[in-house]
Amino acid sequence: TQPTPEWFKNFEELFDDEDGMPNAALTIVHDDTSKDVVVSVFAEGYIKDKEGGGGDEGEGLTYGYKLDQSTSQESVMSLEALMDGEDSVTLDHCSMFIDATLQWKR
């Protein structure tokens, strides 16, 4: 297990061999119920400063993933369908499984 700041700081080094983003699968739990959905995506980690943030390491930062899908991934379960037309959603729990052996070239 790695602390969040360390994980995101090293994400590109761990998974981007300059051939593209790693393939990832998401499993979703919402309202204490597993959605039995696996969403296949290509993930790219990012760290963004919050306005007015600063101080200790990790304080004032937002950690996240930019997610993209290929046409074949969308045909199984699209991010658009998962998001139900919203720009953002709040879920109880989301697990991401990353497979760096299959990558998507931008």
N, C-alpha and C. Protein backbone atom coordinates (compact mmCIF):
# COMPACT_ATOMS: atom_id res chain seq x y z
N THR A 1 0.84 -1.17 0.00
CA THR A 1 0.00 0.00 0.00
C THR A 1 0.89 1.24 0.00
N GLN A 2 0.52 2.21 -0.83
CA GLN A 2 1.26 3.46 -0.89
C GLN A 2 0.36 4.62 -0.48
N PRO A 3 0.93 5.65 0.13
CA PRO A 3 0.13 6.84 0.42
C PRO A 3 -0.35 7.47 -0.90
N THR A 4 -1.51 8.07 -0.89
CA THR A 4 -2.10 8.66 -2.10
C THR A 4 -1.14 9.60 -2.83
N PRO A 5 -0.50 10.56 -2.13
CA PRO A 5 0.40 11.47 -2.86
C PRO A 5 1.51 10.73 -3.61
N GLU A 6 2.07 9.70 -2.99
CA GLU A 6 3.15 8.93 -3.61
C GLU A 6 2.63 8.16 -4.83
N TRP A 7 1.46 7.54 -4.70
CA TRP A 7 0.86 6.77 -5.80
C TRP A 7 0.68 7.64 -7.04
N PHE A 8 0.06 8.81 -6.86
CA PHE A 8 -0.21 9.68 -8.00
C PHE A 8 1.06 10.30 -8.56
N LYS A 9 2.01 10.61 -7.69
CA LYS A 9 3.28 11.17 -8.13
C LYS A 9 4.00 10.19 -9.06
N ASN A 10 3.88 8.90 -8.77
CA ASN A 10 4.59 7.87 -9.54
C ASN A 10 3.73 7.18 -10.60
N PHE A 11 2.47 7.61 -10.79
CA PHE A 11 1.55 6.91 -11.69
C PHE A 11 2.10 6.79 -13.10
N GLU A 12 2.54 7.92 -13.67
CA GLU A 12 3.06 7.86 -15.04
C GLU A 12 4.29 6.99 -15.14
N GLU A 13 5.18 7.10 -14.17
CA GLU A 13 6.40 6.28 -14.18
C GLU A 13 6.06 4.80 -14.12
N LEU A 14 5.05 4.45 -13.33
CA LEU A 14 4.66 3.06 -13.17
C LEU A 14 3.97 2.49 -14.40
N PHE A 15 3.12 3.30 -15.06
CA PHE A 15 2.24 2.74 -16.08
C PHE A 15 2.40 3.29 -17.49
N ASP A 16 3.05 4.43 -17.67
CA ASP A 16 3.17 5.00 -19.02
C ASP A 16 4.57 4.77 -19.55
N ASP A 17 4.68 3.83 -20.48
CA ASP A 17 5.98 3.57 -21.10
C ASP A 17 6.11 4.33 -22.41
N GLU A 18 5.38 5.43 -22.52
CA GLU A 18 5.31 6.30 -23.69
C GLU A 18 4.57 5.65 -24.86
N ASP A 19 3.95 4.50 -24.62
CA ASP A 19 3.11 3.86 -25.63
C ASP A 19 1.64 4.13 -25.36
N GLY A 20 1.30 4.84 -24.30
CA GLY A 20 -0.09 5.18 -24.03
C GLY A 20 -0.50 4.89 -22.60
N MET A 21 -1.78 5.12 -22.36
CA MET A 21 -2.34 4.94 -21.02
C MET A 21 -2.67 3.47 -20.77
N PRO A 22 -2.60 3.03 -19.50
CA PRO A 22 -2.93 1.64 -19.20
C PRO A 22 -4.43 1.36 -19.26
N ASN A 23 -4.77 0.13 -19.59
CA ASN A 23 -6.15 -0.33 -19.56
C ASN A 23 -6.54 -0.54 -18.10
N ALA A 24 -7.77 -0.19 -17.76
CA ALA A 24 -8.23 -0.35 -16.38
C ALA A 24 -9.69 -0.77 -16.40
N ALA A 25 -10.10 -1.44 -15.33
CA ALA A 25 -11.50 -1.83 -15.16
C ALA A 25 -12.00 -1.23 -13.85
N LEU A 26 -13.22 -0.71 -13.86
CA LEU A 26 -13.82 -0.11 -12.67
C LEU A 26 -14.98 -0.97 -12.20
N THR A 27 -15.04 -1.21 -10.91
CA THR A 27 -16.23 -1.83 -10.32
C THR A 27 -16.86 -0.80 -9.39
N ILE A 28 -18.18 -0.77 -9.38
CA ILE A 28 -18.91 0.31 -8.73
C ILE A 28 -19.84 -0.22 -7.63
N VAL A 29 -19.86 0.49 -6.48
CA VAL A 29 -20.84 0.25 -5.43
C VAL A 29 -21.53 1.58 -5.16
N HIS A 30 -22.86 1.57 -5.17
CA HIS A 30 -23.61 2.79 -4.88
C HIS A 30 -24.87 2.41 -4.10
N ASP A 31 -25.22 3.22 -3.12
CA ASP A 31 -26.34 2.93 -2.21
C ASP A 31 -26.18 1.55 -1.59
N ASP A 32 -24.94 1.24 -1.19
CA ASP A 32 -24.59 -0.04 -0.55
C ASP A 32 -24.89 -1.26 -1.42
N THR A 33 -25.00 -1.06 -2.72
CA THR A 33 -25.29 -2.17 -3.63
C THR A 33 -24.26 -2.20 -4.75
N SER A 34 -23.68 -3.36 -4.99
CA SER A 34 -22.76 -3.52 -6.11
C SER A 34 -23.56 -3.41 -7.39
N LYS A 35 -23.05 -2.62 -8.31
CA LYS A 35 -23.74 -2.44 -9.58
C LYS A 35 -23.44 -3.59 -10.54
N ASP A 36 -22.62 -4.56 -10.10
CA ASP A 36 -22.24 -5.69 -10.95
C ASP A 36 -21.83 -5.21 -12.34
N VAL A 37 -21.18 -4.07 -12.37
CA VAL A 37 -20.76 -3.48 -13.63
C VAL A 37 -19.25 -3.36 -13.63
N VAL A 38 -18.66 -3.76 -14.71
CA VAL A 38 -17.24 -3.49 -14.90
C VAL A 38 -17.15 -2.57 -16.10
N VAL A 39 -16.61 -1.41 -15.88
CA VAL A 39 -16.44 -0.43 -16.94
C VAL A 39 -14.97 -0.47 -17.35
N SER A 40 -14.73 -0.74 -18.60
CA SER A 40 -13.36 -0.80 -19.12
C SER A 40 -12.97 0.57 -19.65
N VAL A 41 -11.82 1.07 -19.20
CA VAL A 41 -11.37 2.42 -19.56
C VAL A 41 -9.85 2.43 -19.72
N PHE A 42 -9.35 3.53 -20.23
CA PHE A 42 -7.93 3.82 -20.21
C PHE A 42 -7.75 4.94 -19.21
N ALA A 43 -6.83 4.78 -18.26
CA ALA A 43 -6.69 5.72 -17.15
C ALA A 43 -5.38 6.49 -17.21
N GLU A 44 -5.47 7.76 -16.81
CA GLU A 44 -4.28 8.60 -16.69
C GLU A 44 -4.43 9.38 -15.39
N GLY A 45 -3.51 9.17 -14.45
CA GLY A 45 -3.59 9.85 -13.16
C GLY A 45 -3.21 11.31 -13.26
N TYR A 46 -3.80 12.14 -12.39
CA TYR A 46 -3.43 13.55 -12.34
C TYR A 46 -3.50 14.07 -10.92
N ILE A 47 -2.76 15.15 -10.67
CA ILE A 47 -2.78 15.88 -9.40
C ILE A 47 -3.07 17.33 -9.75
N LYS A 48 -4.05 17.93 -9.07
CA LYS A 48 -4.45 19.31 -9.37
C LYS A 48 -4.46 20.09 -8.06
N ASP A 49 -3.90 21.29 -8.09
CA ASP A 49 -3.95 22.17 -6.92
C ASP A 49 -5.35 22.72 -6.75
N LYS A 50 -5.84 22.68 -5.50
CA LYS A 50 -7.10 23.35 -5.18
C LYS A 50 -6.79 24.82 -4.95
N GLU A 51 -7.74 25.69 -5.25
CA GLU A 51 -7.54 27.10 -4.97
C GLU A 51 -7.39 27.31 -3.47
N GLY A 52 -6.39 28.09 -3.10
CA GLY A 52 -6.18 28.38 -1.69
C GLY A 52 -5.51 27.25 -0.94
N GLY A 53 -5.09 26.21 -1.65
CA GLY A 53 -4.44 25.06 -1.01
C GLY A 53 -3.00 25.36 -0.69
N GLY A 54 -2.37 24.41 -0.09
CA GLY A 54 -0.97 24.56 0.25
C GLY A 54 -0.71 23.92 1.59
N GLY A 55 0.48 24.15 2.10
CA GLY A 55 0.81 23.58 3.40
C GLY A 55 1.45 22.23 3.27
N ASP A 56 1.05 21.28 4.11
CA ASP A 56 1.64 19.96 4.13
C ASP A 56 1.44 19.24 2.80
N GLU A 57 2.32 18.26 2.53
CA GLU A 57 2.22 17.49 1.29
C GLU A 57 0.85 16.83 1.20
N GLY A 58 0.19 17.01 0.08
CA GLY A 58 -1.11 16.41 -0.13
C GLY A 58 -2.26 17.31 0.27
N GLU A 59 -1.98 18.32 1.12
CA GLU A 59 -3.03 19.23 1.55
C GLU A 59 -3.27 20.26 0.45
N GLY A 60 -4.53 20.49 0.11
CA GLY A 60 -4.84 21.45 -0.93
C GLY A 60 -4.73 20.87 -2.33
N LEU A 61 -4.60 19.54 -2.44
CA LEU A 61 -4.49 18.89 -3.74
C LEU A 61 -5.69 17.99 -3.99
N THR A 62 -6.05 17.86 -5.26
CA THR A 62 -7.08 16.92 -5.68
C THR A 62 -6.40 15.85 -6.52
N TYR A 63 -6.70 14.59 -6.24
CA TYR A 63 -6.14 13.47 -6.98
C TYR A 63 -7.26 12.84 -7.80
N GLY A 64 -6.97 12.48 -9.03
CA GLY A 64 -8.00 11.88 -9.86
C GLY A 64 -7.43 11.17 -11.07
N TYR A 65 -8.34 10.66 -11.88
CA TYR A 65 -7.97 9.96 -13.10
C TYR A 65 -8.75 10.54 -14.27
N LYS A 66 -8.07 10.79 -15.36
CA LYS A 66 -8.73 11.13 -16.62
C LYS A 66 -9.02 9.78 -17.27
N LEU A 67 -10.28 9.56 -17.62
CA LEU A 67 -10.71 8.29 -18.19
C LEU A 67 -11.15 8.47 -19.63
N ASP A 68 -10.69 7.61 -20.51
CA ASP A 68 -11.10 7.59 -21.90
C ASP A 68 -11.50 6.17 -22.26
N GLN A 69 -12.30 6.03 -23.31
CA GLN A 69 -12.71 4.70 -23.76
C GLN A 69 -12.55 4.58 -25.27
N SER A 70 -12.24 3.36 -25.70
CA SER A 70 -12.26 3.05 -27.13
C SER A 70 -13.69 2.68 -27.49
N THR A 71 -13.97 2.59 -28.77
CA THR A 71 -15.31 2.22 -29.24
C THR A 71 -15.71 0.85 -28.71
N SER A 72 -14.78 -0.11 -28.71
CA SER A 72 -15.12 -1.45 -28.22
C SER A 72 -15.39 -1.45 -26.72
N GLN A 73 -14.69 -0.61 -25.95
CA GLN A 73 -14.96 -0.51 -24.52
C GLN A 73 -16.33 0.11 -24.27
N GLU A 74 -16.67 1.13 -25.04
CA GLU A 74 -17.97 1.78 -24.88
C GLU A 74 -19.13 0.84 -25.16
N SER A 75 -18.92 -0.14 -26.04
CA SER A 75 -20.01 -1.05 -26.40
C SER A 75 -20.40 -1.97 -25.25
N VAL A 76 -19.50 -2.16 -24.28
CA VAL A 76 -19.81 -3.00 -23.12
C VAL A 76 -20.55 -2.19 -22.07
N MET A 77 -19.98 -1.09 -21.62
CA MET A 77 -20.60 -0.16 -20.67
C MET A 77 -19.90 1.16 -20.84
N SER A 78 -20.62 2.17 -21.30
CA SER A 78 -19.98 3.46 -21.56
C SER A 78 -19.92 4.31 -20.29
N LEU A 79 -18.89 5.14 -20.24
CA LEU A 79 -18.80 6.10 -19.14
C LEU A 79 -20.00 7.04 -19.16
N GLU A 80 -20.45 7.40 -20.34
CA GLU A 80 -21.60 8.28 -20.47
C GLU A 80 -22.84 7.67 -19.80
N ALA A 81 -23.05 6.37 -20.02
CA ALA A 81 -24.19 5.69 -19.39
C ALA A 81 -24.01 5.65 -17.87
N LEU A 82 -22.80 5.37 -17.42
CA LEU A 82 -22.53 5.32 -15.99
C LEU A 82 -22.78 6.68 -15.34
N MET A 83 -22.39 7.75 -16.02
CA MET A 83 -22.54 9.09 -15.48
C MET A 83 -23.96 9.62 -15.65
N ASP A 84 -24.79 8.95 -16.40
CA ASP A 84 -26.19 9.32 -16.61
C ASP A 84 -26.34 10.78 -17.05
N GLY A 85 -25.43 11.19 -17.95
CA GLY A 85 -25.50 12.53 -18.50
C GLY A 85 -24.95 13.63 -17.62
N GLU A 86 -24.45 13.30 -16.44
CA GLU A 86 -23.92 14.30 -15.51
C GLU A 86 -22.43 14.51 -15.74
N ASP A 87 -21.92 15.68 -15.34
CA ASP A 87 -20.49 15.96 -15.43
C ASP A 87 -19.70 15.22 -14.36
N SER A 88 -20.34 14.97 -13.22
CA SER A 88 -19.68 14.23 -12.14
C SER A 88 -20.74 13.47 -11.34
N VAL A 89 -20.32 12.40 -10.73
CA VAL A 89 -21.20 11.61 -9.87
C VAL A 89 -20.45 11.26 -8.59
N THR A 90 -21.20 11.01 -7.53
CA THR A 90 -20.62 10.56 -6.27
C THR A 90 -21.07 9.13 -6.05
N LEU A 91 -20.09 8.26 -5.84
CA LEU A 91 -20.37 6.84 -5.63
C LEU A 91 -19.89 6.45 -4.24
N ASP A 92 -20.49 5.41 -3.67
CA ASP A 92 -20.05 4.93 -2.36
C ASP A 92 -18.64 4.37 -2.43
N HIS A 93 -18.37 3.62 -3.50
CA HIS A 93 -17.08 2.94 -3.61
C HIS A 93 -16.81 2.63 -5.07
N CYS A 94 -15.57 2.80 -5.46
CA CYS A 94 -15.16 2.46 -6.82
C CYS A 94 -13.78 1.84 -6.74
N SER A 95 -13.63 0.65 -7.28
CA SER A 95 -12.31 0.00 -7.32
C SER A 95 -11.79 0.03 -8.74
N MET A 96 -10.50 0.31 -8.87
CA MET A 96 -9.89 0.33 -10.19
C MET A 96 -8.80 -0.74 -10.25
N PHE A 97 -8.88 -1.56 -11.27
CA PHE A 97 -7.88 -2.58 -11.52
C PHE A 97 -7.12 -2.16 -12.76
N ILE A 98 -5.80 -1.99 -12.64
CA ILE A 98 -4.99 -1.45 -13.74
C ILE A 98 -4.14 -2.57 -14.35
N ASP A 99 -4.21 -2.67 -15.68
CA ASP A 99 -3.42 -3.64 -16.43
C ASP A 99 -2.54 -2.88 -17.39
N ALA A 100 -1.28 -2.72 -17.05
CA ALA A 100 -0.38 -1.94 -17.88
C ALA A 100 0.08 -2.69 -19.13
N THR A 101 -0.30 -3.95 -19.28
CA THR A 101 0.15 -4.70 -20.45
C THR A 101 -0.64 -4.35 -21.70
N LEU A 102 -1.85 -3.79 -21.55
CA LEU A 102 -2.66 -3.37 -22.68
C LEU A 102 -2.83 -1.87 -22.60
N GLN A 103 -2.27 -1.16 -23.57
CA GLN A 103 -2.31 0.28 -23.51
C GLN A 103 -2.95 0.88 -24.75
N TRP A 104 -3.44 2.07 -24.58
CA TRP A 104 -4.11 2.79 -25.64
C TRP A 104 -3.22 3.93 -26.10
N LYS A 105 -2.96 3.97 -27.38
CA LYS A 105 -2.15 5.05 -27.93
C LYS A 105 -3.04 6.24 -28.22
N ARG A 106 -2.64 7.37 -27.69
CA ARG A 106 -3.42 8.60 -27.87
C ARG A 106 -3.37 9.08 -29.28
